Protein backbone atom coordinates (compact mmCIF):
# COMPACT_ATOMS: atom_id res chain seq x y z
CA MET A 1 -11.60 -4.59 -13.38
CA PRO A 2 -10.21 -1.13 -13.91
CA PHE A 3 -6.82 -0.21 -12.50
CA LYS A 4 -7.04 2.30 -9.64
CA SER A 5 -3.68 2.23 -7.84
CA TRP A 6 -0.71 0.07 -6.84
CA GLY A 7 -1.51 1.10 -3.26
CA ASP A 8 -4.77 -0.81 -3.52
CA VAL A 9 -2.96 -3.89 -4.89
CA THR A 10 -0.67 -4.05 -1.87
CA ALA A 11 -3.22 -2.90 0.74
CA GLU A 12 -3.59 -5.02 3.86
CA GLY A 13 -6.53 -7.40 3.59
CA ASN A 14 -6.49 -7.43 -0.23
CA SER A 15 -5.94 -11.15 -0.72
CA PHE A 16 -7.10 -10.80 -4.34
CA PHE A 17 -4.36 -8.28 -5.26
CA VAL A 18 -7.10 -6.34 -7.08
CA ALA A 19 -6.09 -2.84 -8.22
CA ASP A 20 -9.30 -1.28 -6.87
CA ALA A 21 -10.01 -2.15 -3.22
CA SER A 22 -13.70 -1.28 -3.63
CA TYR A 23 -14.12 -4.66 -5.39
CA ILE A 24 -12.82 -6.76 -2.46
CA GLY A 25 -16.23 -7.33 -0.84
CA GLN A 26 -17.79 -8.28 -4.16
CA LEU A 27 -14.96 -10.72 -4.89
CA GLU A 28 -15.19 -12.26 -1.40
CA ASP A 29 -18.93 -12.87 -1.87
CA TYR A 30 -18.38 -14.33 -5.33
CA MET A 31 -15.62 -16.69 -4.19
CA ASP A 32 -17.62 -17.79 -1.15
CA ALA A 33 -20.64 -18.64 -3.32
CA LEU A 34 -18.40 -20.47 -5.78
CA ARG A 35 -16.78 -22.47 -2.98
CA LYS A 36 -20.17 -23.42 -1.55
CA SER A 37 -21.39 -24.54 -4.99
CA GLY A 38 -18.36 -26.87 -5.32
CA ASP A 39 -17.30 -25.30 -8.61
CA SER A 40 -14.24 -23.28 -9.69
CA ILE A 41 -13.32 -20.35 -11.94
CA GLY A 42 -10.25 -19.22 -13.86
CA ALA A 43 -8.47 -15.88 -13.63
CA ARG A 44 -6.77 -13.32 -15.82
CA LEU A 45 -3.85 -11.71 -14.00
CA ALA A 46 -1.08 -9.25 -14.78
CA VAL A 47 2.49 -8.91 -13.54
CA VAL A 48 4.51 -5.71 -14.07
CA ALA A 49 8.22 -4.92 -13.71
CA HIS A 50 9.22 -1.27 -13.26
CA ASN A 51 12.61 0.38 -13.96
CA VAL A 52 13.99 -2.37 -16.16
CA PRO A 53 17.08 -1.06 -18.02
CA VAL A 54 17.14 -0.66 -21.79
CA GLY A 55 18.86 -3.37 -23.80
CA TRP A 56 18.32 -6.65 -21.96
CA GLY A 57 17.45 -9.62 -24.13
CA GLU A 58 18.34 -10.81 -27.59
CA PRO A 59 16.63 -10.47 -30.98
CA VAL A 60 16.27 -14.17 -31.88
CA PHE A 61 17.10 -17.12 -29.60
CA ASP A 62 16.86 -15.63 -26.11
CA ARG A 63 14.23 -12.97 -26.55
CA ILE A 64 13.28 -11.67 -23.14
CA ASP A 65 9.56 -11.80 -23.98
CA ALA A 66 9.90 -15.46 -25.00
CA ASP A 67 11.75 -16.23 -21.76
CA ILE A 68 9.02 -14.48 -19.74
CA ALA A 69 6.30 -16.43 -21.57
CA HIS A 70 8.26 -19.67 -21.03
CA ALA A 71 8.58 -18.99 -17.29
CA LEU A 72 4.94 -18.01 -16.81
CA MET A 73 3.70 -21.00 -18.83
CA GLY A 74 5.72 -23.18 -16.46
CA ILE A 75 3.40 -22.25 -13.59
CA ASN A 76 0.74 -24.87 -12.90
CA ALA A 77 -2.67 -24.05 -14.44
CA VAL A 78 -1.37 -21.25 -16.71
CA LYS A 79 -2.89 -21.65 -20.17
CA GLY A 80 -2.00 -18.39 -21.88
CA VAL A 81 0.47 -15.50 -21.72
CA GLU A 82 0.29 -12.04 -23.29
CA ILE A 83 2.99 -9.38 -23.40
CA GLY A 84 1.74 -5.78 -23.60
CA ALA A 85 -1.44 -5.50 -25.66
CA GLY A 86 -1.27 -9.25 -26.30
CA PHE A 87 -4.23 -10.63 -28.22
CA ASP A 88 -5.87 -7.20 -28.28
CA CYS A 89 -3.33 -6.27 -30.96
CA VAL A 90 -5.33 -8.23 -33.54
CA THR A 91 -8.00 -5.51 -33.49
CA GLN A 92 -5.52 -2.62 -33.56
CA ARG A 93 -4.14 -0.93 -36.64
CA GLY A 94 -0.42 -0.31 -36.96
CA SER A 95 -1.09 3.38 -36.35
CA GLU A 96 -2.64 2.46 -32.97
CA HIS A 97 -0.37 -0.37 -31.88
CA GLY A 98 3.04 1.07 -32.71
CA ASP A 99 4.53 2.80 -29.66
CA GLU A 100 5.56 6.20 -30.97
CA LEU A 101 8.80 7.65 -29.65
CA THR A 102 9.01 11.30 -28.60
CA PRO A 103 11.76 13.40 -26.96
CA ASN A 104 9.98 12.66 -23.67
CA GLY A 105 9.87 8.89 -24.21
CA PHE A 106 7.33 6.46 -25.62
CA ALA A 107 3.76 7.70 -26.09
CA SER A 108 2.25 4.27 -25.27
CA ASN A 109 3.29 0.77 -24.19
CA ASN A 110 1.45 -1.70 -26.43
CA ALA A 111 4.69 -3.68 -26.76
CA GLY A 112 4.77 -4.27 -23.00
CA GLY A 113 8.26 -2.83 -22.58
CA ILE A 114 9.88 -5.17 -25.11
CA LEU A 115 10.63 -4.53 -28.80
CA GLY A 116 12.36 -7.12 -30.96
CA GLY A 117 13.04 -9.30 -27.90
CA ILE A 118 14.94 -6.47 -26.15
CA THR A 119 13.79 -4.26 -23.26
CA THR A 120 12.88 -0.64 -24.01
CA GLY A 121 13.13 0.75 -20.48
CA GLN A 122 9.36 0.94 -20.17
CA ASP A 123 7.38 -1.17 -17.71
CA ILE A 124 7.34 -4.82 -18.69
CA VAL A 125 3.71 -5.91 -18.65
CA ALA A 126 2.69 -9.57 -18.91
CA GLN A 127 -0.81 -10.95 -18.50
CA TYR A 128 -1.54 -14.60 -17.98
CA ALA A 129 -4.60 -16.84 -17.93
CA ILE A 130 -5.18 -19.42 -15.19
CA LYS A 131 -7.59 -22.25 -15.88
CA PRO A 132 -10.30 -23.24 -13.40
CA THR A 133 -9.16 -26.21 -11.35
CA SER A 134 -10.71 -29.52 -12.35
CA SER A 135 -10.62 -30.68 -8.70
CA ILE A 136 -14.22 -29.81 -7.87
CA ARG A 137 -17.03 -31.36 -5.83
CA ILE A 138 -19.46 -31.33 -8.76
CA GLU A 139 -19.61 -34.80 -10.30
CA ARG A 140 -17.86 -35.14 -13.65
CA ASN A 141 -17.73 -37.98 -16.16
CA SER A 142 -14.60 -40.12 -16.39
CA ILE A 143 -13.54 -43.74 -16.77
CA ASN A 144 -11.99 -46.29 -14.41
CA LYS A 145 -9.00 -48.60 -15.07
CA ALA A 146 -11.26 -50.99 -16.95
CA GLY A 147 -12.44 -48.20 -19.29
CA GLU A 148 -15.94 -48.15 -17.78
CA ALA A 149 -17.88 -44.93 -17.32
CA VAL A 150 -17.77 -43.53 -13.76
CA LYS A 151 -18.55 -40.28 -11.95
CA VAL A 152 -15.71 -38.43 -10.21
CA SER A 153 -15.98 -35.82 -7.45
CA THR A 154 -13.10 -34.30 -5.48
CA GLU A 155 -13.85 -33.98 -1.78
CA GLY A 156 -11.88 -32.19 0.94
CA ARG A 157 -9.99 -28.96 0.47
CA HIS A 158 -11.30 -26.95 -2.47
CA ASP A 159 -9.79 -23.89 -4.18
CA PRO A 160 -12.50 -22.06 -6.11
CA CYS A 161 -9.81 -20.01 -7.89
CA VAL A 162 -6.13 -20.96 -7.94
CA GLY A 163 -5.38 -17.67 -9.68
CA ILE A 164 -5.26 -15.92 -6.31
CA ARG A 165 -2.28 -18.08 -5.28
CA ALA A 166 -0.56 -17.49 -8.64
CA THR A 167 0.14 -13.78 -8.15
CA PRO A 168 3.30 -14.03 -6.00
CA ILE A 169 4.47 -17.04 -8.01
CA ALA A 170 4.31 -15.05 -11.27
CA GLU A 171 6.15 -12.14 -9.62
CA ALA A 172 8.92 -14.53 -8.59
CA MET A 173 9.12 -16.11 -12.06
CA LEU A 174 9.37 -12.69 -13.72
CA ALA A 175 12.08 -11.65 -11.24
CA LEU A 176 14.08 -14.82 -12.05
CA VAL A 177 13.93 -14.12 -15.79
CA LEU A 178 14.99 -10.51 -15.24
CA ILE A 179 17.96 -11.37 -13.02
CA ASP A 180 19.04 -14.01 -15.54
CA HIS A 181 19.01 -11.38 -18.31
CA ALA A 182 20.76 -8.86 -16.06
CA LEU A 183 23.61 -11.33 -15.55
CA ARG A 184 23.77 -12.20 -19.25
CA ASN A 185 23.89 -8.51 -20.16
CA ARG A 186 26.66 -7.92 -17.63
CA ALA A 187 28.66 -10.87 -18.95
CA GLN A 188 28.27 -9.84 -22.58
CA ASN A 189 28.69 -6.08 -22.23
CA GLY A 190 30.67 -5.52 -19.03
CA ASP A 191 31.36 -1.80 -18.66
CA VAL A 192 30.21 -0.77 -22.15
CA VAL A 193 28.55 2.64 -22.00
CA CYS A 194 25.66 3.14 -24.42
CA GLU A 195 25.76 6.48 -26.29
CA THR A 196 22.05 6.33 -27.10
CA VAL A 197 20.29 9.53 -26.13
CA LYS A 198 18.71 9.31 -22.67
CA LEU A 199 14.96 9.94 -22.77
CA ARG A 200 13.46 12.17 -20.13
């Protein structure tokens, strides 16, 4: 769904955290129908960090993008993580993907705010994929302790999309990685002042 505004994401009654509130009714209907059918669906979500200072991270062993991916993959049901353009970069040319630098800052953010494992000062953008839960009412094939074929169905409480619950969890995981890197940077660099030109 297209991004409209952060105000829509945080609007009261937007339990989907969707960036365009006009989709809420459509999503409610879809989730209700999915719940009634006893099935589930996955989700593709994004988490963004604003105003991250330049220079956090390391170029090899403790790359901040690797730490973010590690943290997000640690969330139950997450099956994929992308930083910036992510897998879309395979269809881009270098002339498209490379984030050109101008006197006014970067012209794009395909790198998701991280170059060479180190923050650029741009927004850090991570997307992650949540699998559909396998705990559904629709009968599925399995085996019992004796190895015999059986049918399995999960009754009781049913989440048609666990991705909705994952949004605040991913925000917390990203915040933990960032504070960890903030403390590392402080320990390693103390009061060092960077002479790099400040971009407007």
